[in-house]
């Protein structure tokens, strides 16, 4: 599972999306009900405390104006992303149930399509929010964000390699 997550994040980290991946990963930070796992919450729309800035925003030393603009963008996309994450979680739980109950391959494939559709919708929302945020950042901040993302991916890869038993 973690290996698949790492590969998914790594694939999203190429090109333009790579610059934004740090902001995009863990858009809403909800828990997947069936597995009890929480998606990565390395920044975008997630802070340790309600008024604290996410670590990536602190690291980039955003101006007060940039901070206000980013928070407005986050507020704009958060409800939609939360709804999409909830739908995705429910679809994944339904697929797990089909797998456990021994449903037909046809039913499992159909549910997999539903999961993929919700995943695509959520990724599209994350991308749009990230592109708007990118427009607020200076070229130097975008470069720094790309480096933060590279470091995060290295840590994720190292965690996966250090804990091979969790790759079930």
N, C-alpha and C. Protein backbone atom coordinates (compact mmCIF):
# COMPACT_ATOMS: atom_id res chain seq x y z
N UNK A 1 0.82 -1.20 0.00
CA UNK A 1 0.00 0.00 0.00
C UNK A 1 0.86 1.26 0.00
N UNK A 2 1.84 1.33 0.91
CA UNK A 2 2.70 2.51 0.98
C UNK A 2 3.52 2.63 -0.31
N UNK A 3 3.99 1.50 -0.84
CA UNK A 3 4.76 1.52 -2.08
C UNK A 3 3.90 2.11 -3.20
N UNK A 4 2.65 1.72 -3.29
CA UNK A 4 1.76 2.26 -4.31
C UNK A 4 1.55 3.75 -4.10
N UNK A 5 1.42 4.18 -2.86
CA UNK A 5 1.26 5.59 -2.55
C UNK A 5 2.49 6.37 -3.00
N UNK A 6 3.68 5.84 -2.69
CA UNK A 6 4.91 6.51 -3.08
C UNK A 6 4.98 6.63 -4.60
N UNK A 7 4.67 5.55 -5.29
CA UNK A 7 4.73 5.59 -6.75
C UNK A 7 3.73 6.60 -7.30
N UNK A 8 2.55 6.67 -6.70
CA UNK A 8 1.55 7.62 -7.15
C UNK A 8 2.03 9.05 -6.94
N UNK A 9 2.59 9.34 -5.77
CA UNK A 9 3.09 10.67 -5.48
C UNK A 9 4.27 10.99 -6.40
N UNK A 10 5.16 10.03 -6.61
CA UNK A 10 6.32 10.26 -7.46
C UNK A 10 5.89 10.55 -8.89
N UNK A 11 4.88 9.85 -9.38
CA UNK A 11 4.41 10.07 -10.74
C UNK A 11 3.83 11.47 -10.87
N UNK A 12 3.13 11.96 -9.83
CA UNK A 12 2.53 13.28 -9.87
C UNK A 12 3.58 14.37 -9.75
N UNK A 13 4.81 14.01 -9.41
CA UNK A 13 5.82 15.00 -9.12
C UNK A 13 6.69 15.37 -10.31
N UNK A 14 6.30 14.98 -11.49
CA UNK A 14 7.07 15.35 -12.66
C UNK A 14 6.48 16.60 -13.29
N UNK A 15 7.31 17.36 -13.98
CA UNK A 15 6.85 18.54 -14.69
C UNK A 15 6.27 19.59 -13.79
N UNK A 16 5.30 20.30 -14.30
CA UNK A 16 4.66 21.42 -13.58
C UNK A 16 4.07 20.95 -12.26
N UNK A 17 3.51 19.77 -12.26
CA UNK A 17 2.87 19.28 -11.05
C UNK A 17 3.89 19.04 -9.95
N UNK A 18 5.14 18.73 -10.32
CA UNK A 18 6.18 18.51 -9.33
C UNK A 18 6.40 19.71 -8.45
N UNK A 19 6.35 20.89 -9.02
CA UNK A 19 6.52 22.12 -8.25
C UNK A 19 5.41 22.26 -7.23
N UNK A 20 4.23 21.79 -7.59
CA UNK A 20 3.06 21.99 -6.74
C UNK A 20 2.78 20.83 -5.80
N UNK A 21 3.47 19.71 -5.98
CA UNK A 21 3.10 18.49 -5.26
C UNK A 21 3.12 18.65 -3.76
N UNK A 22 4.03 19.44 -3.24
CA UNK A 22 4.07 19.62 -1.80
C UNK A 22 2.78 20.24 -1.29
N UNK A 23 2.22 21.14 -2.08
CA UNK A 23 0.97 21.79 -1.68
C UNK A 23 -0.21 20.85 -1.90
N UNK A 24 -0.11 19.99 -2.89
CA UNK A 24 -1.27 19.22 -3.31
C UNK A 24 -1.47 17.94 -2.52
N UNK A 25 -0.41 17.37 -2.01
CA UNK A 25 -0.52 16.09 -1.31
C UNK A 25 -1.27 16.29 -0.01
N UNK A 26 -2.30 15.48 0.18
CA UNK A 26 -3.07 15.55 1.42
C UNK A 26 -3.97 16.76 1.45
N UNK A 27 -4.66 17.01 0.40
CA UNK A 27 -5.48 18.20 0.25
C UNK A 27 -6.42 18.41 1.42
N UNK A 28 -7.07 17.37 1.88
CA UNK A 28 -8.05 17.57 2.94
C UNK A 28 -7.74 16.80 4.20
N UNK A 29 -6.87 15.83 4.17
CA UNK A 29 -6.45 15.15 5.38
C UNK A 29 -7.53 14.36 6.07
N UNK A 30 -8.39 13.74 5.32
CA UNK A 30 -9.42 12.92 5.94
C UNK A 30 -8.92 11.49 6.08
N UNK A 31 -9.61 10.71 6.88
CA UNK A 31 -9.23 9.33 7.09
C UNK A 31 -10.05 8.44 6.19
N UNK A 32 -9.39 7.46 5.58
CA UNK A 32 -10.10 6.49 4.78
C UNK A 32 -10.81 5.55 5.74
N UNK A 33 -12.15 5.50 5.74
CA UNK A 33 -12.88 4.76 6.75
C UNK A 33 -12.56 3.27 6.77
N UNK A 34 -12.46 2.66 5.63
CA UNK A 34 -12.28 1.21 5.60
C UNK A 34 -10.92 0.80 6.15
N UNK A 35 -9.90 1.58 5.89
CA UNK A 35 -8.57 1.19 6.31
C UNK A 35 -8.13 1.89 7.59
N UNK A 36 -8.78 3.01 7.92
CA UNK A 36 -8.36 3.75 9.08
C UNK A 36 -7.09 4.56 8.86
N UNK A 37 -6.59 4.59 7.64
CA UNK A 37 -5.36 5.32 7.33
C UNK A 37 -5.70 6.78 7.02
N UNK A 38 -4.75 7.66 7.31
CA UNK A 38 -4.90 9.07 6.99
C UNK A 38 -3.96 9.41 5.84
N UNK A 39 -4.46 10.06 4.77
CA UNK A 39 -3.58 10.46 3.70
C UNK A 39 -2.50 11.41 4.19
N UNK A 40 -1.42 11.52 3.44
CA UNK A 40 -0.34 12.43 3.80
C UNK A 40 -0.89 13.83 3.99
N UNK A 41 -0.35 14.53 4.96
CA UNK A 41 -0.83 15.88 5.23
C UNK A 41 0.35 16.83 5.34
N UNK A 42 1.12 16.91 4.29
CA UNK A 42 2.32 17.73 4.29
C UNK A 42 2.06 19.14 3.84
N UNK A 43 0.98 19.72 4.20
CA UNK A 43 0.84 21.12 3.90
C UNK A 43 -0.51 21.55 3.42
N UNK A 44 -0.75 21.48 2.16
CA UNK A 44 -1.87 22.15 1.53
C UNK A 44 -3.16 21.94 2.28
N UNK A 45 -3.76 23.01 2.71
CA UNK A 45 -5.03 23.04 3.43
C UNK A 45 -4.98 22.38 4.79
N UNK A 46 -3.78 22.09 5.28
CA UNK A 46 -3.70 21.40 6.56
C UNK A 46 -2.64 22.10 7.41
N UNK A 47 -2.99 22.42 8.60
CA UNK A 47 -2.03 22.97 9.54
C UNK A 47 -2.20 22.25 10.86
N UNK A 48 -1.14 22.21 11.66
CA UNK A 48 -1.18 21.49 12.93
C UNK A 48 -2.23 22.08 13.86
N UNK A 49 -2.38 23.38 13.86
CA UNK A 49 -3.41 24.04 14.64
C UNK A 49 -4.20 24.94 13.70
N UNK A 50 -5.42 25.28 14.07
CA UNK A 50 -6.27 26.03 13.15
C UNK A 50 -5.66 27.31 12.60
N UNK A 51 -4.92 28.07 13.40
CA UNK A 51 -4.38 29.35 12.94
C UNK A 51 -2.93 29.26 12.46
N UNK A 52 -2.30 28.10 12.57
CA UNK A 52 -0.91 27.95 12.16
C UNK A 52 -0.82 27.80 10.65
N UNK A 53 0.24 28.35 10.09
CA UNK A 53 0.48 28.18 8.66
C UNK A 53 1.10 26.81 8.42
N UNK A 54 0.76 26.17 7.30
CA UNK A 54 1.42 24.91 6.96
C UNK A 54 2.93 25.13 6.83
N UNK A 55 3.69 24.08 7.05
CA UNK A 55 5.15 24.17 7.05
C UNK A 55 5.68 24.73 5.73
N UNK A 56 5.09 24.34 4.60
CA UNK A 56 5.62 24.82 3.32
C UNK A 56 5.44 26.33 3.18
N UNK A 57 4.36 26.86 3.72
CA UNK A 57 4.13 28.30 3.66
C UNK A 57 5.13 29.04 4.55
N UNK A 58 5.41 28.47 5.71
CA UNK A 58 6.40 29.07 6.60
C UNK A 58 7.79 29.04 5.95
N UNK A 59 8.13 27.91 5.35
CA UNK A 59 9.45 27.76 4.74
C UNK A 59 9.66 28.74 3.59
N UNK A 60 8.61 29.05 2.87
CA UNK A 60 8.73 29.96 1.73
C UNK A 60 8.73 31.43 2.15
N UNK A 61 8.47 31.68 3.42
CA UNK A 61 8.44 33.05 3.93
C UNK A 61 7.55 33.96 3.09
N UNK A 62 6.31 33.52 2.98
CA UNK A 62 5.35 34.30 2.21
C UNK A 62 5.13 35.67 2.85
N UNK A 63 4.89 36.66 2.02
CA UNK A 63 4.54 37.98 2.53
C UNK A 63 3.13 37.89 3.11
N UNK A 64 2.74 38.86 3.93
CA UNK A 64 1.35 38.85 4.43
C UNK A 64 0.32 38.83 3.29
N UNK A 65 0.61 39.57 2.22
CA UNK A 65 -0.31 39.59 1.08
C UNK A 65 -0.39 38.21 0.42
N UNK A 66 0.76 37.58 0.24
CA UNK A 66 0.77 36.23 -0.35
C UNK A 66 0.02 35.26 0.55
N UNK A 67 0.24 35.35 1.85
CA UNK A 67 -0.43 34.45 2.79
C UNK A 67 -1.94 34.61 2.68
N UNK A 68 -2.41 35.83 2.62
CA UNK A 68 -3.85 36.10 2.49
C UNK A 68 -4.38 35.51 1.18
N UNK A 69 -3.63 35.71 0.09
CA UNK A 69 -4.06 35.19 -1.21
C UNK A 69 -4.12 33.65 -1.20
N UNK A 70 -3.09 33.01 -0.64
CA UNK A 70 -3.05 31.54 -0.59
C UNK A 70 -4.20 31.02 0.27
N UNK A 71 -4.42 31.65 1.40
CA UNK A 71 -5.51 31.21 2.28
C UNK A 71 -6.87 31.37 1.59
N UNK A 72 -7.03 32.41 0.80
CA UNK A 72 -8.28 32.59 0.06
C UNK A 72 -8.46 31.49 -0.98
N UNK A 73 -7.37 31.12 -1.64
CA UNK A 73 -7.43 30.04 -2.64
C UNK A 73 -7.77 28.73 -1.94
N UNK A 74 -7.12 28.48 -0.82
CA UNK A 74 -7.41 27.25 -0.07
C UNK A 74 -8.88 27.21 0.36
N UNK A 75 -9.38 28.33 0.86
CA UNK A 75 -10.77 28.40 1.30
C UNK A 75 -11.73 28.15 0.13
N UNK A 76 -11.36 28.62 -1.04
CA UNK A 76 -12.18 28.45 -2.23
C UNK A 76 -12.30 26.97 -2.62
N UNK A 77 -11.21 26.22 -2.52
CA UNK A 77 -11.20 24.83 -3.00
C UNK A 77 -11.46 23.80 -1.91
N UNK A 78 -11.30 24.16 -0.66
CA UNK A 78 -11.41 23.18 0.42
C UNK A 78 -12.75 22.44 0.47
N UNK A 79 -13.90 23.13 0.41
CA UNK A 79 -15.17 22.38 0.48
C UNK A 79 -15.32 21.36 -0.66
N UNK A 80 -14.96 21.75 -1.86
CA UNK A 80 -15.04 20.84 -3.00
C UNK A 80 -14.11 19.65 -2.81
N UNK A 81 -12.88 19.92 -2.36
CA UNK A 81 -11.92 18.85 -2.16
C UNK A 81 -12.37 17.90 -1.04
N UNK A 82 -12.93 18.45 0.01
CA UNK A 82 -13.42 17.60 1.10
C UNK A 82 -14.54 16.69 0.62
N UNK A 83 -15.46 17.24 -0.15
CA UNK A 83 -16.56 16.43 -0.68
C UNK A 83 -16.02 15.33 -1.59
N UNK A 84 -15.08 15.68 -2.44
CA UNK A 84 -14.51 14.68 -3.35
C UNK A 84 -13.74 13.62 -2.58
N UNK A 85 -13.02 14.02 -1.53
CA UNK A 85 -12.28 13.04 -0.72
C UNK A 85 -13.25 12.09 -0.03
N UNK A 86 -14.36 12.62 0.47
CA UNK A 86 -15.37 11.77 1.11
C UNK A 86 -15.94 10.76 0.11
N UNK A 87 -16.25 11.23 -1.09
CA UNK A 87 -16.77 10.33 -2.12
C UNK A 87 -15.73 9.26 -2.47
N UNK A 88 -14.48 9.66 -2.58
CA UNK A 88 -13.41 8.70 -2.88
C UNK A 88 -13.28 7.68 -1.75
N UNK A 89 -13.29 8.15 -0.51
CA UNK A 89 -13.19 7.23 0.63
C UNK A 89 -14.33 6.22 0.62
N UNK A 90 -15.55 6.69 0.34
CA UNK A 90 -16.70 5.79 0.31
C UNK A 90 -16.59 4.78 -0.83
N UNK A 91 -16.12 5.23 -1.98
CA UNK A 91 -15.96 4.33 -3.13
C UNK A 91 -14.89 3.29 -2.84
N UNK A 92 -13.79 3.70 -2.19
CA UNK A 92 -12.73 2.75 -1.84
C UNK A 92 -13.22 1.74 -0.81
N UNK A 93 -14.03 2.20 0.14
CA UNK A 93 -14.59 1.28 1.14
C UNK A 93 -15.51 0.27 0.47
N UNK A 94 -16.30 0.74 -0.49
CA UNK A 94 -17.19 -0.16 -1.22
C UNK A 94 -16.38 -1.20 -2.00
N UNK A 95 -15.28 -0.77 -2.57
CA UNK A 95 -14.45 -1.72 -3.32
C UNK A 95 -13.82 -2.75 -2.39
N UNK A 96 -13.34 -2.29 -1.23
CA UNK A 96 -12.79 -3.24 -0.25
C UNK A 96 -13.85 -4.26 0.14
N UNK A 97 -15.08 -3.80 0.33
CA UNK A 97 -16.17 -4.69 0.71
C UNK A 97 -16.42 -5.73 -0.38
N UNK A 98 -16.41 -5.29 -1.63
CA UNK A 98 -16.59 -6.23 -2.74
C UNK A 98 -15.49 -7.27 -2.77
N UNK A 99 -14.27 -6.84 -2.52
CA UNK A 99 -13.14 -7.77 -2.52
C UNK A 99 -13.27 -8.79 -1.40
N UNK A 100 -13.65 -8.32 -0.21
CA UNK A 100 -13.78 -9.20 0.94
C UNK A 100 -14.93 -10.18 0.76
N UNK A 101 -16.03 -9.70 0.20
CA UNK A 101 -17.22 -10.54 0.05
C UNK A 101 -17.15 -11.47 -1.14
N UNK A 102 -16.08 -11.37 -1.93
CA UNK A 102 -15.95 -12.27 -3.06
C UNK A 102 -16.85 -11.93 -4.23
N UNK A 103 -17.05 -10.65 -4.48
CA UNK A 103 -17.89 -10.22 -5.60
C UNK A 103 -17.26 -10.65 -6.93
N UNK A 104 -18.04 -10.58 -7.96
CA UNK A 104 -17.54 -10.97 -9.28
C UNK A 104 -16.46 -10.00 -9.75
N UNK A 105 -15.61 -10.50 -10.63
CA UNK A 105 -14.57 -9.65 -11.20
C UNK A 105 -15.18 -8.45 -11.92
N UNK A 106 -16.30 -8.67 -12.57
CA UNK A 106 -16.98 -7.59 -13.28
C UNK A 106 -17.41 -6.48 -12.32
N UNK A 107 -17.98 -6.86 -11.19
CA UNK A 107 -18.41 -5.87 -10.19
C UNK A 107 -17.21 -5.11 -9.61
N UNK A 108 -16.13 -5.83 -9.37
CA UNK A 108 -14.92 -5.19 -8.82
C UNK A 108 -14.33 -4.22 -9.84
N UNK A 109 -14.29 -4.62 -11.09
CA UNK A 109 -13.78 -3.71 -12.14
C UNK A 109 -14.65 -2.46 -12.26
N UNK A 110 -15.95 -2.64 -12.18
CA UNK A 110 -16.87 -1.49 -12.26
C UNK A 110 -16.63 -0.54 -11.09
N UNK A 111 -16.47 -1.09 -9.89
CA UNK A 111 -16.22 -0.24 -8.72
C UNK A 111 -14.86 0.42 -8.82
N UNK A 112 -13.88 -0.28 -9.38
CA UNK A 112 -12.56 0.31 -9.58
C UNK A 112 -12.67 1.54 -10.49
N UNK A 113 -13.51 1.47 -11.50
CA UNK A 113 -13.73 2.62 -12.38
C UNK A 113 -14.32 3.79 -11.61
N UNK A 114 -15.24 3.50 -10.71
CA UNK A 114 -15.84 4.55 -9.89
C UNK A 114 -14.75 5.21 -9.04
N UNK A 115 -13.91 4.39 -8.41
CA UNK A 115 -12.81 4.91 -7.58
C UNK A 115 -11.89 5.79 -8.43
N UNK A 116 -11.53 5.31 -9.61
CA UNK A 116 -10.63 6.08 -10.47
C UNK A 116 -11.25 7.40 -10.89
N UNK A 117 -12.55 7.42 -11.15
CA UNK A 117 -13.22 8.66 -11.52
C UNK A 117 -13.18 9.68 -10.38
N UNK A 118 -13.46 9.23 -9.16
CA UNK A 118 -13.39 10.14 -8.01
C UNK A 118 -11.96 10.63 -7.80
N UNK A 119 -11.00 9.74 -7.96
CA UNK A 119 -9.60 10.11 -7.80
C UNK A 119 -9.21 11.19 -8.82
N UNK A 120 -9.64 11.02 -10.07
CA UNK A 120 -9.35 12.01 -11.12
C UNK A 120 -9.98 13.37 -10.79
N UNK A 121 -11.21 13.35 -10.29
CA UNK A 121 -11.87 14.60 -9.93
C UNK A 121 -11.11 15.33 -8.83
N UNK A 122 -10.68 14.58 -7.82
CA UNK A 122 -9.94 15.18 -6.71
C UNK A 122 -8.59 15.71 -7.20
N UNK A 123 -7.92 14.96 -8.04
CA UNK A 123 -6.63 15.42 -8.59
C UNK A 123 -6.82 16.69 -9.41
N UNK A 124 -7.90 16.78 -10.16
CA UNK A 124 -8.17 17.98 -10.96
C UNK A 124 -8.39 19.20 -10.06
N UNK A 125 -9.10 19.01 -8.97
CA UNK A 125 -9.33 20.10 -8.02
C UNK A 125 -8.01 20.53 -7.39
N UNK A 126 -7.20 19.55 -6.99
CA UNK A 126 -5.90 19.85 -6.41
C UNK A 126 -5.03 20.61 -7.40
N UNK A 127 -5.05 20.20 -8.65
CA UNK A 127 -4.24 20.87 -9.65
C UNK A 127 -4.68 22.31 -9.84
N UNK A 128 -5.98 22.54 -9.96
CA UNK A 128 -6.48 23.90 -10.15
C UNK A 128 -6.09 24.80 -8.98
N UNK A 129 -6.25 24.29 -7.77
CA UNK A 129 -5.86 25.07 -6.59
C UNK A 129 -4.36 25.34 -6.61
N UNK A 130 -3.59 24.33 -6.92
CA UNK A 130 -2.14 24.49 -6.95
C UNK A 130 -1.69 25.47 -8.01
N UNK A 131 -2.34 25.45 -9.16
CA UNK A 131 -1.98 26.39 -10.22
C UNK A 131 -2.27 27.83 -9.81
N UNK A 132 -3.39 28.01 -9.11
CA UNK A 132 -3.70 29.36 -8.62
C UNK A 132 -2.66 29.80 -7.60
N UNK A 133 -2.28 28.89 -6.72
CA UNK A 133 -1.27 29.23 -5.70
C UNK A 133 0.07 29.51 -6.37
N UNK A 134 0.41 28.74 -7.38
CA UNK A 134 1.66 28.97 -8.12
C UNK A 134 1.72 30.40 -8.63
N UNK A 135 0.60 30.93 -9.06
CA UNK A 135 0.56 32.29 -9.56
C UNK A 135 0.84 33.35 -8.51
N UNK A 136 0.73 32.98 -7.24
CA UNK A 136 0.98 33.90 -6.14
C UNK A 136 2.47 33.91 -5.77
N UNK A 137 3.17 32.82 -6.06
CA UNK A 137 4.57 32.66 -5.65
C UNK A 137 5.52 33.35 -6.62
N UNK A 138 6.65 33.77 -6.07
CA UNK A 138 7.72 34.32 -6.91
C UNK A 138 8.48 33.15 -7.54
N UNK A 139 9.25 33.41 -8.60
CA UNK A 139 10.07 32.32 -9.17
C UNK A 139 10.99 31.68 -8.13
N UNK A 140 11.57 32.46 -7.25
CA UNK A 140 12.45 31.90 -6.22
C UNK A 140 11.67 31.00 -5.26
N UNK A 141 10.46 31.42 -4.91
CA UNK A 141 9.64 30.59 -4.01
C UNK A 141 9.23 29.30 -4.70
N UNK A 142 8.91 29.36 -5.99
CA UNK A 142 8.56 28.13 -6.72
C UNK A 142 9.75 27.18 -6.75
N UNK A 143 10.95 27.71 -6.92
CA UNK A 143 12.17 26.88 -6.91
C UNK A 143 12.37 26.25 -5.54
N UNK A 144 12.19 27.04 -4.50
CA UNK A 144 12.32 26.52 -3.14
C UNK A 144 11.27 25.45 -2.86
N UNK A 145 10.06 25.66 -3.34
CA UNK A 145 9.00 24.68 -3.16
C UNK A 145 9.34 23.38 -3.88
N UNK A 146 9.92 23.48 -5.06
CA UNK A 146 10.34 22.27 -5.79
C UNK A 146 11.38 21.50 -4.97
N UNK A 147 12.29 22.20 -4.34
CA UNK A 147 13.31 21.54 -3.51
C UNK A 147 12.67 20.90 -2.28
N UNK A 148 11.74 21.59 -1.64
CA UNK A 148 11.03 21.00 -0.50
C UNK A 148 10.31 19.72 -0.92
N UNK A 149 9.71 19.74 -2.10
CA UNK A 149 9.02 18.57 -2.60
C UNK A 149 9.99 17.42 -2.85
N UNK A 150 11.14 17.74 -3.44
CA UNK A 150 12.14 16.70 -3.69
C UNK A 150 12.56 16.06 -2.37
N UNK A 151 12.80 16.87 -1.36
CA UNK A 151 13.19 16.35 -0.04
C UNK A 151 12.10 15.48 0.56
N UNK A 152 10.84 15.90 0.40
CA UNK A 152 9.72 15.11 0.93
C UNK A 152 9.63 13.76 0.25
N UNK A 153 9.84 13.75 -1.06
CA UNK A 153 9.79 12.48 -1.80
C UNK A 153 10.92 11.55 -1.38
N UNK A 154 12.10 12.10 -1.11
CA UNK A 154 13.22 11.29 -0.64
C UNK A 154 12.87 10.68 0.72
N UNK A 155 12.29 11.50 1.61
CA UNK A 155 11.89 10.98 2.93
C UNK A 155 10.84 9.88 2.78
N UNK A 156 9.89 10.08 1.90
CA UNK A 156 8.85 9.08 1.68
C UNK A 156 9.44 7.79 1.14
N UNK A 157 10.32 7.92 0.15
CA UNK A 157 10.99 6.74 -0.42
C UNK A 157 11.78 6.01 0.65
N UNK A 158 12.52 6.75 1.47
CA UNK A 158 13.31 6.14 2.53
C UNK A 158 12.43 5.43 3.55
N UNK A 159 11.29 6.02 3.87
CA UNK A 159 10.36 5.40 4.82
C UNK A 159 9.81 4.10 4.25
N UNK A 160 9.51 4.09 2.97
CA UNK A 160 9.00 2.87 2.33
C UNK A 160 10.07 1.78 2.34
N UNK A 161 11.27 2.16 2.03
CA UNK A 161 12.36 1.18 1.99
C UNK A 161 12.73 0.69 3.39
N UNK A 162 12.58 1.52 4.40
CA UNK A 162 12.92 1.15 5.77
C UNK A 162 11.87 0.25 6.41
N UNK A 163 10.67 0.25 5.87
CA UNK A 163 9.56 -0.51 6.47
C UNK A 163 8.90 -1.37 5.41
N UNK A 164 9.60 -2.39 4.91
CA UNK A 164 9.02 -3.19 3.82
C UNK A 164 7.79 -3.99 4.22
N UNK A 165 7.57 -4.24 5.51
CA UNK A 165 6.40 -5.01 5.92
C UNK A 165 5.13 -4.23 5.76
N UNK A 166 5.19 -2.90 5.67
CA UNK A 166 3.98 -2.10 5.53
C UNK A 166 3.54 -1.97 4.08
N UNK A 167 4.21 -2.64 3.17
CA UNK A 167 3.89 -2.52 1.74
C UNK A 167 2.88 -3.55 1.29
N UNK A 168 2.06 -4.03 2.18
CA UNK A 168 1.07 -5.06 1.85
C UNK A 168 -0.04 -4.49 1.03
